[in-house]
C-alpha cells in the first residue's frame, strides 16, 4: 500500500478485511479486540473507505469485491 494517503487505521481495516477469516472467533469480536471500535462504527468507516479512490488504488481487488458485496446486500434489501 505504498504511496497511498490512507491512515494507519485505514490500512489495518483493509488488511483485516483481506484476512479476517484467519482470526479465531466471530468477526465482531475481532473488530472490538483489534480496533477498539464497535462493529457499527467499524462498518461505517469501512463503507466510507471503500468509496475512496486512494483505497481502490491501494487494494483494487479487495475494494472492488467489498463494493460488489455491499451492492448485493443493498439490492437484496431493496427487493424485499
PDB file of N, CA and C in Angstrom:
ATOM      1  N   UNK A   1       0.812  -1.179   0.000  1.00  0.00           N
ATOM      2  CA  UNK A   1       0.000   0.000   0.000  1.00  0.00           C
ATOM      3  C   UNK A   1       0.866   1.256   0.000  1.00  0.00           C
ATOM      4  N   UNK A   2       2.065   1.174  -0.496  1.00  0.00           N
ATOM      5  CA  UNK A   2       2.972   2.302  -0.522  1.00  0.00           C
ATOM      6  C   UNK A   2       2.420   3.419  -1.396  1.00  0.00           C
ATOM      7  N   UNK A   3       2.702   4.659  -1.001  1.00  0.00           N
ATOM      8  CA  UNK A   3       2.305   5.800  -1.788  1.00  0.00           C
ATOM      9  C   UNK A   3       0.853   6.207  -1.602  1.00  0.00           C
ATOM     10  N   UNK A   4       0.135   5.547  -0.736  1.00  0.00           N
ATOM     11  CA  UNK A   4      -1.269   5.892  -0.541  1.00  0.00           C
ATOM     12  C   UNK A   4      -1.391   6.970   0.525  1.00  0.00           C
ATOM     13  N   UNK A   5      -2.551   7.577   0.569  1.00  0.00           N
ATOM     14  CA  UNK A   5      -2.825   8.573   1.594  1.00  0.00           C
ATOM     15  C   UNK A   5      -3.689   7.985   2.701  1.00  0.00           C
ATOM     16  N   UNK A   6      -3.736   6.680   2.768  1.00  0.00           N
ATOM     17  CA  UNK A   6      -4.531   6.016   3.791  1.00  0.00           C
ATOM     18  C   UNK A   6      -3.836   6.109   5.143  1.00  0.00           C
ATOM     19  N   UNK A   7      -4.624   6.322   6.175  1.00  0.00           N
ATOM     20  CA  UNK A   7      -4.070   6.336   7.528  1.00  0.00           C
ATOM     21  C   UNK A   7      -3.695   4.913   7.935  1.00  0.00           C
ATOM     22  N   UNK A   8      -2.987   4.823   9.033  1.00  0.00           N
ATOM     23  CA  UNK A   8      -2.626   3.506   9.558  1.00  0.00           C
ATOM     24  C   UNK A   8      -3.877   2.689   9.858  1.00  0.00           C
ATOM     25  N   UNK A   9      -4.871   3.305  10.487  1.00  0.00           N
ATOM     26  CA  UNK A   9      -6.121   2.607  10.796  1.00  0.00           C
ATOM     27  C   UNK A   9      -6.801   2.118   9.518  1.00  0.00           C
ATOM     28  N   UNK A  10      -6.854   2.955   8.507  1.00  0.00           N
ATOM     29  CA  UNK A  10      -7.494   2.566   7.243  1.00  0.00           C
ATOM     30  C   UNK A  10      -6.756   1.406   6.584  1.00  0.00           C
ATOM     31  N   UNK A  11      -5.451   1.437   6.615  1.00  0.00           N
ATOM     32  CA  UNK A  11      -4.667   0.330   6.067  1.00  0.00           C
ATOM     33  C   UNK A  11      -4.923  -0.949   6.848  1.00  0.00           C
ATOM     34  N   UNK A  12      -5.015  -0.835   8.167  1.00  0.00           N
ATOM     35  CA  UNK A  12      -5.292  -2.010   9.003  1.00  0.00           C
ATOM     36  C   UNK A  12      -6.688  -2.561   8.735  1.00  0.00           C
ATOM     37  N   UNK A  13      -7.652  -1.686   8.500  1.00  0.00           N
ATOM     38  CA  UNK A  13      -9.010  -2.140   8.182  1.00  0.00           C
ATOM     39  C   UNK A  13      -9.006  -2.927   6.882  1.00  0.00           C
ATOM     40  N   UNK A  14      -8.337  -2.418   5.862  1.00  0.00           N
ATOM     41  CA  UNK A  14      -8.268  -3.148   4.589  1.00  0.00           C
ATOM     42  C   UNK A  14      -7.572  -4.494   4.771  1.00  0.00           C
ATOM     43  N   UNK A  15      -6.499  -4.516   5.520  1.00  0.00           N
ATOM     44  CA  UNK A  15      -5.790  -5.779   5.754  1.00  0.00           C
ATOM     45  C   UNK A  15      -6.676  -6.760   6.516  1.00  0.00           C
ATOM     46  N   UNK A  16      -7.409  -6.271   7.493  1.00  0.00           N
ATOM     47  CA  UNK A  16      -8.323  -7.131   8.248  1.00  0.00           C
ATOM     48  C   UNK A  16      -9.397  -7.703   7.326  1.00  0.00           C
ATOM     49  N   UNK A  17      -9.961  -6.887   6.461  1.00  0.00           N
ATOM     50  CA  UNK A  17     -10.987  -7.372   5.536  1.00  0.00           C
ATOM     51  C   UNK A  17     -10.415  -8.416   4.576  1.00  0.00           C
ATOM     52  N   UNK A  18      -9.150  -8.275   4.254  1.00  0.00           N
ATOM     53  CA  UNK A  18      -8.497  -9.225   3.363  1.00  0.00           C
ATOM     54  C   UNK A  18      -8.308 -10.578   4.045  1.00  0.00           C
ATOM     55  N   UNK A  19      -8.148 -10.560   5.372  1.00  0.00           N
ATOM     56  CA  UNK A  19      -7.754 -11.804   6.041  1.00  0.00           C
ATOM     57  C   UNK A  19      -8.488 -12.075   7.348  1.00  0.00           C
ATOM     58  N   UNK A  20      -9.658 -11.500   7.558  1.00  0.00           N
ATOM     59  CA  UNK A  20     -10.324 -11.636   8.862  1.00  0.00           C
ATOM     60  C   UNK A  20     -10.656 -13.079   9.202  1.00  0.00           C
ATOM     61  N   UNK A  21     -10.878 -13.915   8.222  1.00  0.00           N
ATOM     62  CA  UNK A  21     -11.233 -15.310   8.480  1.00  0.00           C
ATOM     63  C   UNK A  21     -10.115 -16.057   9.205  1.00  0.00           C
ATOM     64  N   UNK A  22      -8.914 -15.499   9.209  1.00  0.00           N
ATOM     65  CA  UNK A  22      -7.794 -16.140   9.912  1.00  0.00           C
ATOM     66  C   UNK A  22      -7.877 -15.971  11.425  1.00  0.00           C
ATOM     67  N   UNK A  23      -8.657 -15.006  11.865  1.00  0.00           N
ATOM     68  CA  UNK A  23      -8.768 -14.729  13.296  1.00  0.00           C
ATOM     69  C   UNK A  23      -9.780 -15.663  13.930  1.00  0.00           C
ATOM     70  N   UNK A  24      -9.437 -16.160  15.102  1.00  0.00           N
ATOM     71  CA  UNK A  24     -10.340 -17.066  15.813  1.00  0.00           C
ATOM     72  C   UNK A  24     -11.547 -16.282  16.319  1.00  0.00           C
ATOM     73  N   UNK A  25     -12.692 -16.939  16.360  1.00  0.00           N
ATOM     74  CA  UNK A  25     -13.895 -16.309  16.899  1.00  0.00           C
ATOM     75  C   UNK A  25     -14.661 -15.535  15.856  1.00  0.00           C
ATOM     76  N   UNK A  26     -15.688 -14.897  16.320  1.00  0.00           N
ATOM     77  CA  UNK A  26     -16.554 -14.129  15.434  1.00  0.00           C
ATOM     78  C   UNK A  26     -15.847 -12.862  14.958  1.00  0.00           C
ATOM     79  N   UNK A  27     -16.229 -12.415  13.776  1.00  0.00           N
ATOM     80  CA  UNK A  27     -15.632 -11.217  13.202  1.00  0.00           C
ATOM     81  C   UNK A  27     -15.849 -10.009  14.113  1.00  0.00           C
ATOM     82  N   UNK A  28     -17.044  -9.883  14.675  1.00  0.00           N
ATOM     83  CA  UNK A  28     -17.349  -8.732  15.526  1.00  0.00           C
ATOM     84  C   UNK A  28     -16.454  -8.690  16.768  1.00  0.00           C
ATOM     85  N   UNK A  29     -16.162  -9.842  17.336  1.00  0.00           N
ATOM     86  CA  UNK A  29     -15.263  -9.892  18.495  1.00  0.00           C
ATOM     87  C   UNK A  29     -13.860  -9.446  18.110  1.00  0.00           C
ATOM     88  N   UNK A  30     -13.417  -9.875  16.942  1.00  0.00           N
ATOM     89  CA  UNK A  30     -12.092  -9.478  16.465  1.00  0.00           C
ATOM     90  C   UNK A  30     -12.035  -7.981  16.207  1.00  0.00           C
ATOM     91  N   UNK A  31     -13.120  -7.418  15.677  1.00  0.00           N
ATOM     92  CA  UNK A  31     -13.171  -5.973  15.429  1.00  0.00           C
ATOM     93  C   UNK A  31     -12.985  -5.213  16.736  1.00  0.00           C
ATOM     94  N   UNK A  32     -13.708  -5.617  17.765  1.00  0.00           N
ATOM     95  CA  UNK A  32     -13.591  -4.944  19.064  1.00  0.00           C
ATOM     96  C   UNK A  32     -12.178  -5.080  19.624  1.00  0.00           C
ATOM     97  N   UNK A  33     -11.626  -6.275  19.522  1.00  0.00           N
ATOM     98  CA  UNK A  33     -10.305  -6.543  20.087  1.00  0.00           C
ATOM     99  C   UNK A  33      -9.189  -5.824  19.335  1.00  0.00           C
ATOM    100  N   UNK A  34      -9.216  -5.873  18.011  1.00  0.00           N
ATOM    101  CA  UNK A  34      -8.121  -5.325  17.210  1.00  0.00           C
ATOM    102  C   UNK A  34      -8.194  -3.817  17.010  1.00  0.00           C
ATOM    103  N   UNK A  35      -9.408  -3.279  16.926  1.00  0.00           N
ATOM    104  CA  UNK A  35      -9.566  -1.869  16.573  1.00  0.00           C
ATOM    105  C   UNK A  35     -10.145  -1.011  17.693  1.00  0.00           C
ATOM    106  N   UNK A  36     -10.634  -1.652  18.749  1.00  0.00           N
ATOM    107  CA  UNK A  36     -11.295  -0.929  19.834  1.00  0.00           C
ATOM    108  C   UNK A  36     -12.432  -0.056  19.292  1.00  0.00           C
ATOM    109  N   UNK A  37     -13.181  -0.628  18.356  1.00  0.00           N
ATOM    110  CA  UNK A  37     -14.342   0.029  17.759  1.00  0.00           C
ATOM    111  C   UNK A  37     -15.550  -0.876  17.916  1.00  0.00           C
ATOM    112  N   UNK A  38     -16.725  -0.272  17.970  1.00  0.00           N
ATOM    113  CA  UNK A  38     -17.934  -1.088  17.919  1.00  0.00           C
ATOM    114  C   UNK A  38     -18.099  -1.560  16.479  1.00  0.00           C
ATOM    115  N   UNK A  39     -18.728  -2.706  16.263  1.00  0.00           N
ATOM    116  CA  UNK A  39     -18.949  -3.155  14.886  1.00  0.00           C
ATOM    117  C   UNK A  39     -19.678  -2.127  14.013  1.00  0.00           C
ATOM    118  N   UNK A  40     -20.736  -1.438  14.499  1.00  0.00           N
ATOM    119  CA  UNK A  40     -21.366  -0.431  13.629  1.00  0.00           C
ATOM    120  C   UNK A  40     -20.398   0.676  13.197  1.00  0.00           C
ATOM    121  N   UNK A  41     -19.553   1.140  14.113  1.00  0.00           N
ATOM    122  CA  UNK A  41     -18.592   2.187  13.763  1.00  0.00           C
ATOM    123  C   UNK A  41     -17.559   1.663  12.767  1.00  0.00           C
ATOM    124  N   UNK A  42     -17.101   0.453  12.976  1.00  0.00           N
ATOM    125  CA  UNK A  42     -16.154  -0.169  12.047  1.00  0.00           C
ATOM    126  C   UNK A  42     -16.746  -0.207  10.640  1.00  0.00           C
ATOM    127  N   UNK A  43     -17.998  -0.654  10.536  1.00  0.00           N
ATOM    128  CA  UNK A  43     -18.616  -0.766   9.217  1.00  0.00           C
ATOM    129  C   UNK A  43     -18.895   0.598   8.598  1.00  0.00           C
ATOM    130  N   UNK A  44     -19.143   1.622   9.412  1.00  0.00           N
ATOM    131  CA  UNK A  44     -19.253   2.986   8.880  1.00  0.00           C
ATOM    132  C   UNK A  44     -17.930   3.398   8.237  1.00  0.00           C
ATOM    133  N   UNK A  45     -16.851   3.179   8.970  1.00  0.00           N
ATOM    134  CA  UNK A  45     -15.527   3.528   8.449  1.00  0.00           C
ATOM    135  C   UNK A  45     -15.211   2.733   7.183  1.00  0.00           C
ATOM    136  N   UNK A  46     -15.512   1.442   7.205  1.00  0.00           N
ATOM    137  CA  UNK A  46     -15.239   0.596   6.046  1.00  0.00           C
ATOM    138  C   UNK A  46     -16.029   1.066   4.829  1.00  0.00           C
ATOM    139  N   UNK A  47     -17.309   1.364   5.008  1.00  0.00           N
ATOM    140  CA  UNK A  47     -18.125   1.818   3.881  1.00  0.00           C
ATOM    141  C   UNK A  47     -17.619   3.128   3.305  1.00  0.00           C
ATOM    142  N   UNK A  48     -17.217   4.055   4.156  1.00  0.00           N
ATOM    143  CA  UNK A  48     -16.627   5.298   3.661  1.00  0.00           C
ATOM    144  C   UNK A  48     -15.314   5.013   2.937  1.00  0.00           C
ATOM    145  N   UNK A  49     -14.529   4.132   3.501  1.00  0.00           N
ATOM    146  CA  UNK A  49     -13.215   3.815   2.951  1.00  0.00           C
ATOM    147  C   UNK A  49     -13.304   3.213   1.553  1.00  0.00           C
ATOM    148  N   UNK A  50     -14.214   2.275   1.334  1.00  0.00           N
ATOM    149  CA  UNK A  50     -14.248   1.607   0.028  1.00  0.00           C
ATOM    150  C   UNK A  50     -14.811   2.497  -1.079  1.00  0.00           C
ATOM    151  N   UNK A  51     -15.338   3.663  -0.721  1.00  0.00           N
ATOM    152  CA  UNK A  51     -15.774   4.629  -1.733  1.00  0.00           C
ATOM    153  C   UNK A  51     -14.639   5.543  -2.181  1.00  0.00           C
ATOM    154  N   UNK A  52     -13.512   5.462  -1.519  1.00  0.00           N
ATOM    155  CA  UNK A  52     -12.408   6.374  -1.808  1.00  0.00           C
ATOM    156  C   UNK A  52     -11.470   5.823  -2.879  1.00  0.00           C
ATOM    157  N   UNK A  53     -11.014   6.732  -3.720  1.00  0.00           N
ATOM    158  CA  UNK A  53     -10.104   6.368  -4.808  1.00  0.00           C
ATOM    159  C   UNK A  53      -8.763   5.859  -4.280  1.00  0.00           C
ATOM    160  N   UNK A  54      -8.260   6.447  -3.201  1.00  0.00           N
ATOM    161  CA  UNK A  54      -6.965   6.003  -2.676  1.00  0.00           C
ATOM    162  C   UNK A  54      -7.042   4.581  -2.130  1.00  0.00           C
ATOM    163  N   UNK A  55      -8.192   4.191  -1.596  1.00  0.00           N
ATOM    164  CA  UNK A  55      -8.357   2.799  -1.149  1.00  0.00           C
ATOM    165  C   UNK A  55      -8.385   1.863  -2.350  1.00  0.00           C
ATOM    166  N   UNK A  56      -9.061   2.286  -3.410  1.00  0.00           N
ATOM    167  CA  UNK A  56      -9.109   1.484  -4.636  1.00  0.00           C
ATOM    168  C   UNK A  56      -7.709   1.313  -5.221  1.00  0.00           C
ATOM    169  N   UNK A  57      -6.930   2.368  -5.212  1.00  0.00           N
ATOM    170  CA  UNK A  57      -5.561   2.281  -5.726  1.00  0.00           C
ATOM    171  C   UNK A  57      -4.685   1.399  -4.837  1.00  0.00           C
ATOM    172  N   UNK A  58      -4.909   1.461  -3.538  1.00  0.00           N
ATOM    173  CA  UNK A  58      -4.092   0.687  -2.595  1.00  0.00           C
ATOM    174  C   UNK A  58      -4.395  -0.802  -2.655  1.00  0.00           C
ATOM    175  N   UNK A  59      -5.657  -1.144  -2.885  1.00  0.00           N
ATOM    176  CA  UNK A  59      -6.060  -2.554  -2.850  1.00  0.00           C
ATOM    177  C   UNK A  59      -7.242  -2.781  -3.794  1.00  0.00           C
ATOM    178  N   UNK A  60      -6.990  -2.737  -5.103  1.00  0.00           N
ATOM    179  CA  UNK A  60      -8.092  -2.753  -6.075  1.00  0.00           C
ATOM    180  C   UNK A  60      -8.992  -3.985  -6.021  1.00  0.00           C
ATOM    181  N   UNK A  61      -8.420  -5.159  -5.930  1.00  0.00           N
ATOM    182  CA  UNK A  61      -9.261  -6.366  -5.934  1.00  0.00           C
ATOM    183  C   UNK A  61     -10.149  -6.425  -4.700  1.00  0.00           C
ATOM    184  N   UNK A  62      -9.583  -6.126  -3.549  1.00  0.00           N
ATOM    185  CA  UNK A  62     -10.347  -6.157  -2.306  1.00  0.00           C
ATOM    186  C   UNK A  62     -11.459  -5.115  -2.321  1.00  0.00           C
ATOM    187  N   UNK A  63     -11.136  -3.891  -2.686  1.00  0.00           N
ATOM    188  CA  UNK A  63     -12.137  -2.819  -2.676  1.00  0.00           C
ATOM    189  C   UNK A  63     -13.255  -3.125  -3.665  1.00  0.00           C
ATOM    190  N   UNK A  64     -12.920  -3.621  -4.837  1.00  0.00           N
ATOM    191  CA  UNK A  64     -13.964  -3.982  -5.808  1.00  0.00           C
ATOM    192  C   UNK A  64     -14.846  -5.103  -5.272  1.00  0.00           C
ATOM    193  N   UNK A  65     -14.247  -6.078  -4.604  1.00  0.00           N
ATOM    194  CA  UNK A  65     -15.036  -7.178  -4.025  1.00  0.00           C
ATOM    195  C   UNK A  65     -15.964  -6.654  -2.937  1.00  0.00           C
ATOM    196  N   UNK A  66     -15.443  -5.793  -2.066  1.00  0.00           N
ATOM    197  CA  UNK A  66     -16.267  -5.238  -0.996  1.00  0.00           C
ATOM    198  C   UNK A  66     -17.390  -4.369  -1.550  1.00  0.00           C
ATOM    199  N   UNK A  67     -17.121  -3.635  -2.621  1.00  0.00           N
ATOM    200  CA  UNK A  67     -18.179  -2.839  -3.261  1.00  0.00           C
ATOM    201  C   UNK A  67     -19.265  -3.743  -3.842  1.00  0.00           C
ATOM    202  N   UNK A  68     -18.852  -4.836  -4.480  1.00  0.00           N
ATOM    203  CA  UNK A  68     -19.842  -5.780  -5.041  1.00  0.00           C
ATOM    204  C   UNK A  68     -20.700  -6.387  -3.944  1.00  0.00           C
ATOM    205  N   UNK A  69     -20.071  -6.785  -2.845  1.00  0.00           N
ATOM    206  CA  UNK A  69     -20.825  -7.357  -1.724  1.00  0.00           C
ATOM    207  C   UNK A  69     -21.812  -6.345  -1.151  1.00  0.00           C
ATOM    208  N   UNK A  70     -21.382  -5.118  -1.008  1.00  0.00           N
ATOM    209  CA  UNK A  70     -22.270  -4.070  -0.496  1.00  0.00           C
ATOM    210  C   UNK A  70     -23.442  -3.851  -1.444  1.00  0.00           C
ATOM    211  N   UNK A  71     -23.162  -3.815  -2.739  1.00  0.00           N
ATOM    212  CA  UNK A  71     -24.227  -3.624  -3.725  1.00  0.00           C
ATOM    213  C   UNK A  71     -25.213  -4.784  -3.691  1.00  0.00           C
ATOM    214  N   UNK A  72     -24.715  -6.001  -3.541  1.00  0.00           N
ATOM    215  CA  UNK A  72     -25.597  -7.172  -3.473  1.00  0.00           C
ATOM    216  C   UNK A  72     -26.495  -7.096  -2.240  1.00  0.00           C
ATOM    217  N   UNK A  73     -25.948  -6.676  -1.107  1.00  0.00           N
ATOM    218  CA  UNK A  73     -26.767  -6.530   0.110  1.00  0.00           C
ATOM    219  C   UNK A  73     -27.813  -5.442  -0.067  1.00  0.00           C
ATOM    220  N   UNK A  74     -27.424  -4.335  -0.682  1.00  0.00           N
ATOM    221  CA  UNK A  74     -28.361  -3.237  -0.914  1.00  0.00           C
ATOM    222  C   UNK A  74     -29.474  -3.677  -1.852  1.00  0.00           C
ATOM    223  N   UNK A  75     -29.119  -4.394  -2.901  1.00  0.00           N
ATOM    224  CA  UNK A  75     -30.123  -4.890  -3.855  1.00  0.00           C
ATOM    225  C   UNK A  75     -31.068  -5.880  -3.197  1.00  0.00           C
ATOM    226  N   UNK A  76     -30.526  -6.744  -2.350  1.00  0.00           N
ATOM    227  CA  UNK A  76     -31.364  -7.733  -1.661  1.00  0.00           C
ATOM    228  C   UNK A  76     -32.351  -7.041  -0.724  1.00  0.00           C
ATOM    229  N   UNK A  77     -31.912  -5.987  -0.050  1.00  0.00           N
ATOM    230  CA  UNK A  77     -32.811  -5.238   0.840  1.00  0.00           C
ATOM    231  C   UNK A  77     -33.891  -4.525   0.044  1.00  0.00           C
ATOM    232  N   UNK A  78     -33.528  -3.989  -1.108  1.00  0.00           N
ATOM    233  CA  UNK A  78     -34.489  -3.270  -1.950  1.00  0.00           C
ATOM    234  C   UNK A  78     -35.544  -4.196  -2.528  1.00  0.00           C
ATOM    235  N   UNK A  79     -35.180  -5.447  -2.739  1.00  0.00           N
ATOM    236  CA  UNK A  79     -36.098  -6.412  -3.355  1.00  0.00           C
ATOM    237  C   UNK A  79     -37.158  -6.915  -2.380  1.00  0.00           C
ATOM    238  N   UNK A  80     -36.977  -6.673  -1.110  1.00  0.00           N
ATOM    239  CA  UNK A  80     -37.938  -7.171  -0.105  1.00  0.00           C
ATOM    240  C   UNK A  80     -39.243  -6.449  -0.162  1.00  0.00           C
TER     241      UNK A  80
END
